[in-house]
Amino acid sequence: MEPQDPGTTAARAYDQLADDYARLLPDTRAEQPLELAMIGAFTSVVPEPQRVLDAGCGTGRMIAELSARGSQVTGCDISPGMVEHARRVHPELTIEVAPLADLPFGDAAFDGVLLWYSMIHTPLSQWGPAIAEVLRVLTPGGALLIGFQEGEGEKDLSAFYRDLGHQVTLSRWRHTLDEVTAAWPGTTELARLRRAPVGNEPDPQAFLLLRKDS
């Protein structure tokens, strides 16, 4: 049997987890002030008219934050279950079911793209198609913010979700800021942040703000 695509595995897992995910993470209250500062830095450099794609939006918990900061938000996620929640909370917005590697949007359709822990379930060696698609839909001079856990290697999350009553297979991969920066061709780094773990977090959190070259 061939190994399953990480995106397919994640979509199936999150379809099962959508209700608990929306309950546990309804909004940005889990974010630390430094994270919200990076969101603010991101929206401050998104060019007008500030069309922002929340790529991997999950249940839509970051959408209200982006909208409050002046962005015109569109969302997408690979999990139909997560998108169903996001559409219910934000019926006025376009939120599509789509993988990052096959975005249903035109070239240069967005002035900014948010990847808030959206690529953590895929090893960096397999990011290429998603990177190409994100850069395709991002206008030249547009801004890109990526959030992820810093470190090395794979971490199995299945046991955590079994404790919540879900029999799912789900892993995430950790990367260094330098590795992630090097993975995005045709961009310029504007800022980076590494935050030490807080509370029960096992890993440092990392955030990278890039601008697509003109």
N, C-alpha and C. Protein backbone atom coordinates (compact mmCIF):
# COMPACT_ATOMS: atom_id res chain seq x y z
N MET A 1 0.85 -1.19 0.00
CA MET A 1 0.00 0.00 0.00
C MET A 1 0.89 1.25 0.00
N GLU A 2 0.57 2.20 -0.88
CA GLU A 2 1.36 3.42 -0.95
C GLU A 2 1.01 4.31 0.25
N PRO A 3 2.00 5.09 0.75
CA PRO A 3 1.71 6.00 1.85
C PRO A 3 0.68 7.04 1.45
N GLN A 4 -0.21 7.40 2.37
CA GLN A 4 -1.28 8.34 2.07
C GLN A 4 -0.76 9.76 2.04
N ASP A 5 -1.33 10.56 1.15
CA ASP A 5 -0.96 11.97 1.05
C ASP A 5 -1.28 12.68 2.37
N PRO A 6 -0.32 13.47 2.91
CA PRO A 6 -0.57 14.14 4.20
C PRO A 6 -1.80 15.04 4.17
N GLY A 7 -2.04 15.69 3.02
CA GLY A 7 -3.20 16.56 2.93
C GLY A 7 -4.51 15.80 3.04
N THR A 8 -4.58 14.64 2.39
CA THR A 8 -5.78 13.81 2.47
C THR A 8 -6.00 13.32 3.89
N THR A 9 -4.92 12.89 4.54
CA THR A 9 -5.00 12.44 5.92
C THR A 9 -5.50 13.55 6.84
N ALA A 10 -4.96 14.76 6.66
CA ALA A 10 -5.36 15.89 7.49
C ALA A 10 -6.82 16.26 7.25
N ALA A 11 -7.27 16.24 5.99
CA ALA A 11 -8.66 16.57 5.69
C ALA A 11 -9.62 15.61 6.37
N ARG A 12 -9.32 14.32 6.30
CA ARG A 12 -10.19 13.33 6.94
C ARG A 12 -10.20 13.50 8.44
N ALA A 13 -9.03 13.78 9.01
CA ALA A 13 -8.97 13.99 10.46
C ALA A 13 -9.78 15.20 10.88
N TYR A 14 -9.61 16.32 10.18
CA TYR A 14 -10.29 17.54 10.59
C TYR A 14 -11.79 17.49 10.33
N ASP A 15 -12.22 16.68 9.37
CA ASP A 15 -13.67 16.48 9.22
C ASP A 15 -14.26 15.90 10.50
N GLN A 16 -13.54 14.99 11.13
CA GLN A 16 -13.99 14.41 12.39
C GLN A 16 -13.84 15.39 13.57
N LEU A 17 -12.79 16.20 13.51
CA LEU A 17 -12.45 17.06 14.64
C LEU A 17 -13.14 18.41 14.62
N ALA A 18 -13.87 18.74 13.56
CA ALA A 18 -14.35 20.10 13.34
C ALA A 18 -15.15 20.64 14.53
N ASP A 19 -16.07 19.85 15.07
CA ASP A 19 -16.90 20.35 16.17
C ASP A 19 -16.06 20.66 17.40
N ASP A 20 -15.16 19.74 17.77
CA ASP A 20 -14.31 19.98 18.94
C ASP A 20 -13.34 21.12 18.70
N TYR A 21 -12.81 21.21 17.47
CA TYR A 21 -11.88 22.29 17.14
C TYR A 21 -12.57 23.64 17.31
N ALA A 22 -13.80 23.75 16.79
CA ALA A 22 -14.53 25.01 16.89
C ALA A 22 -14.84 25.36 18.35
N ARG A 23 -15.07 24.33 19.16
CA ARG A 23 -15.35 24.56 20.58
C ARG A 23 -14.09 24.98 21.34
N LEU A 24 -12.97 24.31 21.06
CA LEU A 24 -11.74 24.57 21.79
C LEU A 24 -11.05 25.86 21.33
N LEU A 25 -11.18 26.16 20.02
CA LEU A 25 -10.52 27.35 19.45
C LEU A 25 -11.55 28.17 18.67
N PRO A 26 -12.44 28.86 19.37
CA PRO A 26 -13.50 29.59 18.67
C PRO A 26 -13.03 30.90 18.03
N ASP A 27 -11.91 31.43 18.49
CA ASP A 27 -11.46 32.74 18.03
C ASP A 27 -9.97 32.87 18.34
N THR A 28 -9.49 34.10 18.54
CA THR A 28 -8.06 34.32 18.74
C THR A 28 -7.66 34.38 20.21
N ARG A 29 -8.52 33.93 21.12
CA ARG A 29 -8.17 34.03 22.54
C ARG A 29 -6.98 33.15 22.91
N ALA A 30 -6.68 32.14 22.08
CA ALA A 30 -5.51 31.29 22.35
C ALA A 30 -4.21 31.94 21.92
N GLU A 31 -4.29 32.97 21.09
CA GLU A 31 -3.09 33.66 20.61
C GLU A 31 -2.50 34.55 21.69
N GLN A 32 -1.18 34.58 21.76
CA GLN A 32 -0.47 35.48 22.66
C GLN A 32 -0.38 36.87 22.02
N PRO A 33 -0.11 37.91 22.84
CA PRO A 33 0.01 39.27 22.27
C PRO A 33 1.02 39.37 21.13
N LEU A 34 2.11 38.60 21.21
CA LEU A 34 3.09 38.66 20.13
C LEU A 34 2.51 38.16 18.81
N GLU A 35 1.70 37.11 18.87
CA GLU A 35 1.07 36.61 17.64
C GLU A 35 0.15 37.67 17.04
N LEU A 36 -0.66 38.29 17.89
CA LEU A 36 -1.58 39.30 17.39
C LEU A 36 -0.82 40.50 16.85
N ALA A 37 0.35 40.78 17.43
CA ALA A 37 1.19 41.86 16.89
C ALA A 37 1.67 41.51 15.49
N MET A 38 1.98 40.24 15.25
CA MET A 38 2.40 39.83 13.91
C MET A 38 1.25 39.92 12.92
N ILE A 39 0.04 39.60 13.36
CA ILE A 39 -1.13 39.79 12.50
C ILE A 39 -1.28 41.27 12.15
N GLY A 40 -1.08 42.12 13.14
CA GLY A 40 -1.15 43.56 12.89
C GLY A 40 -0.08 44.02 11.93
N ALA A 41 1.14 43.49 12.07
CA ALA A 41 2.22 43.84 11.15
C ALA A 41 1.88 43.39 9.74
N PHE A 42 1.30 42.20 9.64
CA PHE A 42 0.91 41.67 8.33
C PHE A 42 -0.13 42.58 7.66
N THR A 43 -1.23 42.88 8.36
CA THR A 43 -2.28 43.68 7.73
C THR A 43 -1.81 45.10 7.43
N SER A 44 -0.81 45.58 8.18
CA SER A 44 -0.31 46.94 7.92
C SER A 44 0.48 47.04 6.63
N VAL A 45 1.01 45.92 6.13
CA VAL A 45 1.80 45.96 4.89
C VAL A 45 1.07 45.33 3.70
N VAL A 46 -0.15 44.84 3.91
CA VAL A 46 -0.94 44.33 2.78
C VAL A 46 -1.37 45.52 1.93
N PRO A 47 -1.05 45.53 0.64
CA PRO A 47 -1.41 46.67 -0.20
C PRO A 47 -2.93 46.79 -0.36
N GLU A 48 -3.38 48.00 -0.67
CA GLU A 48 -4.78 48.22 -0.99
C GLU A 48 -5.13 47.47 -2.29
N PRO A 49 -6.35 46.93 -2.40
CA PRO A 49 -7.50 47.10 -1.51
C PRO A 49 -7.59 46.08 -0.37
N GLN A 50 -6.49 45.46 -0.01
CA GLN A 50 -6.39 44.57 1.13
C GLN A 50 -7.28 43.32 0.99
N ARG A 51 -7.22 42.74 -0.18
CA ARG A 51 -7.90 41.45 -0.39
C ARG A 51 -7.00 40.37 0.21
N VAL A 52 -7.48 39.68 1.22
CA VAL A 52 -6.65 38.70 1.94
C VAL A 52 -7.28 37.32 1.87
N LEU A 53 -6.45 36.34 1.53
CA LEU A 53 -6.87 34.95 1.55
C LEU A 53 -6.40 34.31 2.86
N ASP A 54 -7.35 33.83 3.65
CA ASP A 54 -7.02 33.02 4.83
C ASP A 54 -6.95 31.59 4.33
N ALA A 55 -5.75 31.17 3.99
CA ALA A 55 -5.53 29.88 3.33
C ALA A 55 -5.29 28.80 4.37
N GLY A 56 -6.22 27.85 4.45
CA GLY A 56 -6.21 26.90 5.55
C GLY A 56 -6.93 27.52 6.74
N CYS A 57 -8.12 28.08 6.47
CA CYS A 57 -8.83 28.90 7.46
C CYS A 57 -9.48 28.08 8.56
N GLY A 58 -9.56 26.75 8.40
CA GLY A 58 -10.21 25.94 9.41
C GLY A 58 -11.65 26.37 9.63
N THR A 59 -12.04 26.53 10.88
CA THR A 59 -13.40 26.95 11.21
C THR A 59 -13.59 28.46 11.12
N GLY A 60 -12.57 29.16 10.64
CA GLY A 60 -12.70 30.60 10.39
C GLY A 60 -12.37 31.48 11.57
N ARG A 61 -11.58 30.96 12.51
CA ARG A 61 -11.36 31.72 13.74
C ARG A 61 -10.51 32.97 13.55
N MET A 62 -9.70 33.04 12.48
CA MET A 62 -8.88 34.23 12.25
C MET A 62 -9.59 35.27 11.39
N ILE A 63 -10.72 34.91 10.81
CA ILE A 63 -11.38 35.80 9.85
C ILE A 63 -11.84 37.09 10.51
N ALA A 64 -12.45 36.99 11.70
CA ALA A 64 -12.92 38.20 12.37
C ALA A 64 -11.76 39.14 12.71
N GLU A 65 -10.63 38.56 13.10
CA GLU A 65 -9.45 39.38 13.41
C GLU A 65 -8.96 40.12 12.18
N LEU A 66 -8.88 39.43 11.06
CA LEU A 66 -8.45 40.06 9.82
C LEU A 66 -9.43 41.13 9.37
N SER A 67 -10.71 40.83 9.46
CA SER A 67 -11.74 41.79 9.04
C SER A 67 -11.70 43.04 9.89
N ALA A 68 -11.49 42.87 11.20
CA ALA A 68 -11.45 44.01 12.11
C ALA A 68 -10.27 44.92 11.80
N ARG A 69 -9.25 44.38 11.17
CA ARG A 69 -8.07 45.16 10.82
C ARG A 69 -8.14 45.71 9.40
N GLY A 70 -9.31 45.61 8.77
CA GLY A 70 -9.54 46.26 7.49
C GLY A 70 -9.40 45.40 6.26
N SER A 71 -9.19 44.10 6.43
CA SER A 71 -9.01 43.21 5.27
C SER A 71 -10.34 42.74 4.70
N GLN A 72 -10.35 42.55 3.39
CA GLN A 72 -11.47 41.91 2.70
C GLN A 72 -11.13 40.43 2.59
N VAL A 73 -11.74 39.61 3.40
CA VAL A 73 -11.27 38.24 3.61
C VAL A 73 -12.04 37.23 2.77
N THR A 74 -11.27 36.32 2.18
CA THR A 74 -11.78 35.10 1.56
C THR A 74 -11.09 33.94 2.26
N GLY A 75 -11.79 32.83 2.42
CA GLY A 75 -11.19 31.69 3.10
C GLY A 75 -11.19 30.44 2.25
N CYS A 76 -10.30 29.51 2.59
CA CYS A 76 -10.34 28.18 1.99
C CYS A 76 -9.70 27.19 2.96
N ASP A 77 -10.15 25.94 2.86
CA ASP A 77 -9.59 24.89 3.69
C ASP A 77 -9.82 23.56 2.99
N ILE A 78 -8.96 22.60 3.25
CA ILE A 78 -9.06 21.29 2.61
C ILE A 78 -10.15 20.43 3.23
N SER A 79 -10.60 20.77 4.44
CA SER A 79 -11.60 19.97 5.15
C SER A 79 -13.01 20.51 4.95
N PRO A 80 -13.89 19.76 4.31
CA PRO A 80 -15.29 20.21 4.17
C PRO A 80 -15.96 20.46 5.52
N GLY A 81 -15.63 19.66 6.52
CA GLY A 81 -16.23 19.85 7.83
C GLY A 81 -15.85 21.17 8.46
N MET A 82 -14.59 21.55 8.31
CA MET A 82 -14.13 22.84 8.85
C MET A 82 -14.76 24.00 8.07
N VAL A 83 -14.84 23.85 6.75
CA VAL A 83 -15.43 24.91 5.93
C VAL A 83 -16.90 25.10 6.28
N GLU A 84 -17.61 24.02 6.56
CA GLU A 84 -19.01 24.13 6.95
C GLU A 84 -19.17 25.02 8.18
N HIS A 85 -18.30 24.83 9.18
CA HIS A 85 -18.33 25.68 10.36
C HIS A 85 -18.03 27.13 9.99
N ALA A 86 -17.00 27.34 9.19
CA ALA A 86 -16.60 28.71 8.82
C ALA A 86 -17.72 29.43 8.08
N ARG A 87 -18.38 28.72 7.18
CA ARG A 87 -19.49 29.35 6.43
C ARG A 87 -20.66 29.68 7.35
N ARG A 88 -20.89 28.86 8.35
CA ARG A 88 -21.99 29.11 9.28
C ARG A 88 -21.74 30.38 10.09
N VAL A 89 -20.48 30.58 10.49
CA VAL A 89 -20.14 31.76 11.29
C VAL A 89 -20.02 33.01 10.42
N HIS A 90 -19.58 32.83 9.17
CA HIS A 90 -19.35 33.96 8.26
C HIS A 90 -20.10 33.75 6.94
N PRO A 91 -21.44 33.75 6.97
CA PRO A 91 -22.21 33.46 5.76
C PRO A 91 -22.05 34.52 4.67
N GLU A 92 -21.55 35.68 5.05
CA GLU A 92 -21.40 36.77 4.09
C GLU A 92 -20.14 36.64 3.24
N LEU A 93 -19.25 35.70 3.58
CA LEU A 93 -17.96 35.59 2.91
C LEU A 93 -17.89 34.38 1.98
N THR A 94 -16.97 34.45 1.03
CA THR A 94 -16.65 33.31 0.18
C THR A 94 -15.63 32.44 0.90
N ILE A 95 -15.99 31.20 1.17
CA ILE A 95 -15.09 30.24 1.83
C ILE A 95 -15.19 28.93 1.06
N GLU A 96 -14.10 28.52 0.44
CA GLU A 96 -14.09 27.39 -0.47
C GLU A 96 -13.41 26.17 0.15
N VAL A 97 -13.84 24.99 -0.29
CA VAL A 97 -13.11 23.76 0.02
C VAL A 97 -12.04 23.57 -1.04
N ALA A 98 -10.79 23.63 -0.62
CA ALA A 98 -9.70 23.52 -1.60
C ALA A 98 -8.38 23.25 -0.89
N PRO A 99 -7.53 22.41 -1.49
CA PRO A 99 -6.18 22.23 -0.96
C PRO A 99 -5.30 23.39 -1.36
N LEU A 100 -4.26 23.65 -0.59
CA LEU A 100 -3.35 24.74 -0.91
C LEU A 100 -2.66 24.52 -2.25
N ALA A 101 -2.51 23.28 -2.65
CA ALA A 101 -1.81 22.99 -3.90
C ALA A 101 -2.69 23.14 -5.13
N ASP A 102 -3.97 23.49 -4.95
CA ASP A 102 -4.89 23.66 -6.08
C ASP A 102 -5.94 24.69 -5.70
N LEU A 103 -5.54 25.94 -5.63
CA LEU A 103 -6.42 27.01 -5.19
C LEU A 103 -7.36 27.45 -6.31
N PRO A 104 -8.66 27.60 -6.04
CA PRO A 104 -9.64 27.93 -7.07
C PRO A 104 -9.79 29.44 -7.28
N PHE A 105 -8.66 30.14 -7.38
CA PHE A 105 -8.68 31.59 -7.51
C PHE A 105 -7.75 31.99 -8.65
N GLY A 106 -8.01 33.17 -9.21
CA GLY A 106 -7.22 33.64 -10.33
C GLY A 106 -5.85 34.13 -9.94
N ASP A 107 -5.01 34.34 -10.95
CA ASP A 107 -3.67 34.87 -10.72
C ASP A 107 -3.77 36.26 -10.08
N ALA A 108 -2.90 36.52 -9.10
CA ALA A 108 -2.83 37.83 -8.44
C ALA A 108 -4.18 38.28 -7.89
N ALA A 109 -4.96 37.33 -7.39
CA ALA A 109 -6.30 37.65 -6.89
C ALA A 109 -6.28 38.28 -5.51
N PHE A 110 -5.14 38.19 -4.79
CA PHE A 110 -5.09 38.64 -3.40
C PHE A 110 -3.86 39.52 -3.15
N ASP A 111 -4.05 40.47 -2.25
CA ASP A 111 -2.97 41.37 -1.84
C ASP A 111 -2.21 40.83 -0.64
N GLY A 112 -2.78 39.84 0.02
CA GLY A 112 -2.14 39.20 1.15
C GLY A 112 -2.64 37.78 1.32
N VAL A 113 -1.79 36.90 1.82
CA VAL A 113 -2.18 35.53 2.12
C VAL A 113 -1.72 35.20 3.53
N LEU A 114 -2.64 34.69 4.34
CA LEU A 114 -2.33 34.23 5.69
C LEU A 114 -2.28 32.71 5.71
N LEU A 115 -1.16 32.16 6.15
CA LEU A 115 -0.99 30.72 6.32
C LEU A 115 -0.75 30.47 7.81
N TRP A 116 -1.82 30.48 8.58
CA TRP A 116 -1.73 30.41 10.03
C TRP A 116 -1.77 28.95 10.46
N TYR A 117 -0.58 28.36 10.59
CA TYR A 117 -0.44 26.94 10.91
C TYR A 117 -1.12 26.07 9.85
N SER A 118 -1.14 26.54 8.63
CA SER A 118 -1.85 25.86 7.55
C SER A 118 -1.03 24.76 6.89
N MET A 119 0.30 24.80 7.04
CA MET A 119 1.15 23.86 6.31
C MET A 119 1.88 22.90 7.24
N ILE A 120 1.48 22.87 8.50
CA ILE A 120 2.22 22.08 9.49
C ILE A 120 2.01 20.58 9.34
N HIS A 121 0.98 20.17 8.63
CA HIS A 121 0.71 18.74 8.49
C HIS A 121 1.38 18.12 7.27
N THR A 122 2.23 18.88 6.62
CA THR A 122 2.97 18.41 5.44
C THR A 122 4.45 18.68 5.65
N PRO A 123 5.31 17.70 5.40
CA PRO A 123 6.75 17.96 5.54
C PRO A 123 7.22 19.00 4.53
N LEU A 124 8.23 19.75 4.89
CA LEU A 124 8.72 20.84 4.05
C LEU A 124 9.11 20.36 2.65
N SER A 125 9.58 19.14 2.54
CA SER A 125 9.98 18.60 1.24
C SER A 125 8.82 18.51 0.26
N GLN A 126 7.58 18.57 0.77
CA GLN A 126 6.40 18.46 -0.08
C GLN A 126 5.63 19.77 -0.21
N TRP A 127 6.23 20.87 0.22
CA TRP A 127 5.56 22.17 0.15
C TRP A 127 5.53 22.77 -1.25
N GLY A 128 6.34 22.28 -2.16
CA GLY A 128 6.51 22.94 -3.46
C GLY A 128 5.24 23.32 -4.18
N PRO A 129 4.30 22.39 -4.43
CA PRO A 129 3.08 22.75 -5.15
C PRO A 129 2.25 23.81 -4.43
N ALA A 130 2.17 23.74 -3.11
CA ALA A 130 1.40 24.73 -2.37
C ALA A 130 2.07 26.10 -2.45
N ILE A 131 3.38 26.14 -2.33
CA ILE A 131 4.10 27.41 -2.45
C ILE A 131 3.85 28.05 -3.81
N ALA A 132 3.92 27.24 -4.86
CA ALA A 132 3.70 27.77 -6.21
C ALA A 132 2.30 28.36 -6.34
N GLU A 133 1.30 27.68 -5.78
CA GLU A 133 -0.08 28.17 -5.88
C GLU A 133 -0.28 29.44 -5.06
N VAL A 134 0.27 29.48 -3.85
CA VAL A 134 0.12 30.68 -3.03
C VAL A 134 0.76 31.89 -3.72
N LEU A 135 1.94 31.70 -4.27
CA LEU A 135 2.59 32.81 -4.96
C LEU A 135 1.86 33.19 -6.24
N ARG A 136 1.21 32.23 -6.87
CA ARG A 136 0.43 32.53 -8.09
C ARG A 136 -0.74 33.46 -7.78
N VAL A 137 -1.46 33.21 -6.67
CA VAL A 137 -2.65 34.01 -6.38
C VAL A 137 -2.30 35.31 -5.66
N LEU A 138 -1.05 35.48 -5.25
CA LEU A 138 -0.62 36.68 -4.53
C LEU A 138 -0.09 37.72 -5.52
N THR A 139 -0.60 38.92 -5.42
CA THR A 139 -0.17 39.99 -6.32
C THR A 139 1.29 40.37 -6.05
N PRO A 140 2.05 40.80 -7.07
CA PRO A 140 3.40 41.30 -6.82
C PRO A 140 3.38 42.43 -5.79
N GLY A 141 4.26 42.36 -4.82
CA GLY A 141 4.26 43.32 -3.73
C GLY A 141 3.34 42.95 -2.59
N GLY A 142 2.60 41.84 -2.76
CA GLY A 142 1.68 41.40 -1.72
C GLY A 142 2.41 40.78 -0.53
N ALA A 143 1.71 40.68 0.59
CA ALA A 143 2.31 40.20 1.84
C ALA A 143 1.84 38.78 2.15
N LEU A 144 2.71 38.06 2.85
CA LEU A 144 2.47 36.67 3.21
C LEU A 144 2.93 36.46 4.64
N LEU A 145 2.04 35.90 5.48
CA LEU A 145 2.40 35.61 6.88
C LEU A 145 2.20 34.13 7.14
N ILE A 146 3.24 33.48 7.65
CA ILE A 146 3.23 32.04 7.89
C ILE A 146 3.45 31.80 9.38
N GLY A 147 2.60 30.98 9.98
CA GLY A 147 2.76 30.57 11.37
C GLY A 147 2.99 29.07 11.45
N PHE A 148 3.89 28.64 12.33
CA PHE A 148 4.21 27.21 12.44
C PHE A 148 4.96 26.97 13.75
N GLN A 149 5.15 25.71 14.10
CA GLN A 149 5.96 25.36 15.25
C GLN A 149 7.42 25.22 14.82
N GLU A 150 8.32 25.78 15.61
CA GLU A 150 9.73 25.70 15.26
C GLU A 150 10.37 24.45 15.88
N GLY A 151 11.29 23.88 15.14
CA GLY A 151 12.01 22.71 15.63
C GLY A 151 12.37 21.81 14.48
N GLU A 152 12.49 20.53 14.78
CA GLU A 152 12.87 19.55 13.76
C GLU A 152 12.03 18.29 13.94
N GLY A 153 11.65 17.70 12.82
CA GLY A 153 11.04 16.39 12.84
C GLY A 153 9.53 16.39 12.98
N GLU A 154 8.99 15.18 12.96
CA GLU A 154 7.55 14.93 12.99
C GLU A 154 7.08 14.70 14.42
N LYS A 155 5.87 15.15 14.70
CA LYS A 155 5.25 14.90 16.00
C LYS A 155 3.87 14.30 15.77
N ASP A 156 3.61 13.14 16.35
CA ASP A 156 2.33 12.46 16.21
C ASP A 156 1.31 13.08 17.16
N LEU A 157 0.18 13.54 16.61
CA LEU A 157 -0.86 14.17 17.41
C LEU A 157 -2.02 13.23 17.71
N SER A 158 -1.95 12.00 17.23
CA SER A 158 -3.10 11.10 17.30
C SER A 158 -3.54 10.84 18.74
N ALA A 159 -2.58 10.65 19.66
CA ALA A 159 -2.93 10.33 21.04
C ALA A 159 -3.72 11.47 21.68
N PHE A 160 -3.34 12.72 21.39
CA PHE A 160 -4.06 13.86 21.94
C PHE A 160 -5.52 13.82 21.54
N TYR A 161 -5.78 13.54 20.27
CA TYR A 161 -7.16 13.54 19.80
C TYR A 161 -7.92 12.28 20.23
N ARG A 162 -7.20 11.19 20.46
CA ARG A 162 -7.87 10.02 21.03
C ARG A 162 -8.42 10.33 22.41
N ASP A 163 -7.70 11.16 23.15
CA ASP A 163 -8.17 11.55 24.48
C ASP A 163 -9.46 12.36 24.40
N LEU A 164 -9.73 12.96 23.24
CA LEU A 164 -10.97 13.69 23.02
C LEU A 164 -12.05 12.81 22.41
N GLY A 165 -11.71 11.53 22.20
CA GLY A 165 -12.69 10.59 21.68
C GLY A 165 -12.66 10.38 20.18
N HIS A 166 -11.57 10.81 19.51
CA HIS A 166 -11.49 10.69 18.06
C HIS A 166 -10.39 9.70 17.67
N GLN A 167 -10.73 8.77 16.80
CA GLN A 167 -9.75 7.83 16.28
C GLN A 167 -9.24 8.36 14.94
N VAL A 168 -8.26 9.24 15.01
CA VAL A 168 -7.71 9.86 13.80
C VAL A 168 -6.20 9.65 13.76
N THR A 169 -5.66 9.75 12.56
CA THR A 169 -4.21 9.76 12.36
C THR A 169 -3.82 11.16 11.90
N LEU A 170 -2.97 11.81 12.68
CA LEU A 170 -2.61 13.18 12.35
C LEU A 170 -1.23 13.48 12.94
N SER A 171 -0.36 14.01 12.10
CA SER A 171 0.98 14.42 12.52
C SER A 171 1.20 15.87 12.12
N ARG A 172 2.17 16.50 12.78
CA ARG A 172 2.64 17.80 12.31
C ARG A 172 4.16 17.79 12.26
N TRP A 173 4.69 18.65 11.39
CA TRP A 173 6.14 18.75 11.21
C TRP A 173 6.62 20.10 11.70
N ARG A 174 7.78 20.10 12.32
CA ARG A 174 8.41 21.32 12.82
C ARG A 174 9.57 21.70 11.90
N HIS A 175 9.77 23.01 11.73
CA HIS A 175 10.83 23.51 10.86
C HIS A 175 11.47 24.73 11.51
N THR A 176 12.66 25.06 11.05
CA THR A 176 13.31 26.28 11.54
C THR A 176 12.90 27.46 10.67
N LEU A 177 13.04 28.65 11.22
CA LEU A 177 12.73 29.85 10.46
C LEU A 177 13.58 29.96 9.21
N ASP A 178 14.85 29.61 9.30
CA ASP A 178 15.72 29.69 8.13
C ASP A 178 15.27 28.72 7.04
N GLU A 179 14.84 27.52 7.43
CA GLU A 179 14.36 26.54 6.44
C GLU A 179 13.12 27.06 5.72
N VAL A 180 12.20 27.62 6.47
CA VAL A 180 10.96 28.10 5.86
C VAL A 180 11.23 29.31 4.97
N THR A 181 12.08 30.21 5.41
CA THR A 181 12.43 31.38 4.59
C THR A 181 13.01 30.94 3.26
N ALA A 182 13.92 29.99 3.29
CA ALA A 182 14.59 29.52 2.07
C ALA A 182 13.64 28.82 1.12
N ALA A 183 12.50 28.34 1.62
CA ALA A 183 11.57 27.58 0.79
C ALA A 183 10.73 28.46 -0.12
N TRP A 184 10.71 29.78 0.12
CA TRP A 184 9.82 30.67 -0.64
C TRP A 184 10.63 31.51 -1.63
N PRO A 185 10.73 31.07 -2.88
CA PRO A 185 11.49 31.84 -3.88
C PRO A 185 10.73 33.11 -4.26
N GLY A 186 11.47 34.10 -4.69
CA GLY A 186 10.84 35.32 -5.19
C GLY A 186 10.16 36.14 -4.12
N THR A 187 10.63 36.01 -2.88
CA THR A 187 10.07 36.81 -1.79
C THR A 187 11.20 37.47 -1.00
N THR A 188 10.82 38.50 -0.26
CA THR A 188 11.76 39.20 0.61
C THR A 188 11.24 39.15 2.03
N GLU A 189 12.09 38.78 2.96
CA GLU A 189 11.68 38.72 4.36
C GLU A 189 11.54 40.12 4.93
N LEU A 190 10.39 40.36 5.58
CA LEU A 190 10.15 41.64 6.24
C LEU A 190 10.35 41.55 7.74
N ALA A 191 9.97 40.42 8.34
CA ALA A 191 10.11 40.26 9.78
C ALA A 191 9.98 38.79 10.13
N ARG A 192 10.54 38.43 11.28
CA ARG A 192 10.38 37.07 11.81
C ARG A 192 10.27 37.15 13.33
N LEU A 193 9.58 36.16 13.89
CA LEU A 193 9.39 36.11 15.33
C LEU A 193 9.47 34.66 15.78
N ARG A 194 10.26 34.44 16.81
CA ARG A 194 10.31 33.14 17.48
C ARG A 194 9.90 33.35 18.92
N ARG A 195 8.83 32.66 19.33
CA ARG A 195 8.32 32.81 20.68
C ARG A 195 8.53 31.53 21.46
N ALA A 196 9.02 31.65 22.68
CA ALA A 196 9.21 30.48 23.54
C ALA A 196 7.86 29.86 23.89
N PRO A 197 7.84 28.55 24.19
CA PRO A 197 6.58 27.89 24.55
C PRO A 197 5.93 28.55 25.76
N VAL A 198 4.60 28.57 25.74
CA VAL A 198 3.81 29.11 26.84
C VAL A 198 2.90 28.01 27.36
N GLY A 199 2.79 27.89 28.66
CA GLY A 199 1.90 26.91 29.24
C GLY A 199 2.28 25.49 28.86
N ASN A 200 1.32 24.76 28.29
CA ASN A 200 1.55 23.36 27.92
C ASN A 200 2.11 23.18 26.51
N GLU A 201 2.45 24.26 25.83
CA GLU A 201 3.00 24.14 24.48
C GLU A 201 4.33 23.38 24.52
N PRO A 202 4.51 22.37 23.66
CA PRO A 202 5.76 21.62 23.68
C PRO A 202 6.88 22.25 22.86
N ASP A 203 6.53 23.17 21.96
CA ASP A 203 7.52 23.70 21.02
C ASP A 203 7.45 25.22 20.96
N PRO A 204 8.56 25.86 20.57
CA PRO A 204 8.50 27.29 20.25
C PRO A 204 7.58 27.53 19.05
N GLN A 205 7.03 28.72 18.99
CA GLN A 205 6.17 29.11 17.87
C GLN A 205 6.94 30.10 17.00
N ALA A 206 6.74 29.99 15.69
CA ALA A 206 7.50 30.82 14.75
C ALA A 206 6.56 31.49 13.75
N PHE A 207 6.93 32.70 13.36
CA PHE A 207 6.11 33.48 12.44
C PHE A 207 7.03 34.22 11.47
N LEU A 208 6.67 34.16 10.21
CA LEU A 208 7.52 34.72 9.16
C LEU A 208 6.67 35.60 8.25
N LEU A 209 7.07 36.86 8.12
CA LEU A 209 6.37 37.83 7.28
C LEU A 209 7.22 38.09 6.04
N LEU A 210 6.64 37.82 4.88
CA LEU A 210 7.33 37.96 3.60
C LEU A 210 6.56 38.90 2.68
N ARG A 211 7.30 39.45 1.72
CA ARG A 211 6.66 40.23 0.63
C ARG A 211 7.04 39.57 -0.69
N LYS A 212 6.06 39.37 -1.55
CA LYS A 212 6.35 38.84 -2.89
C LYS A 212 7.04 39.92 -3.71
N ASP A 213 8.15 39.55 -4.31
CA ASP A 213 8.90 40.52 -5.11
C ASP A 213 8.08 40.96 -6.32
N SER A 214 8.26 42.21 -6.71
CA SER A 214 7.54 42.76 -7.86
C SER A 214 8.11 42.24 -9.17
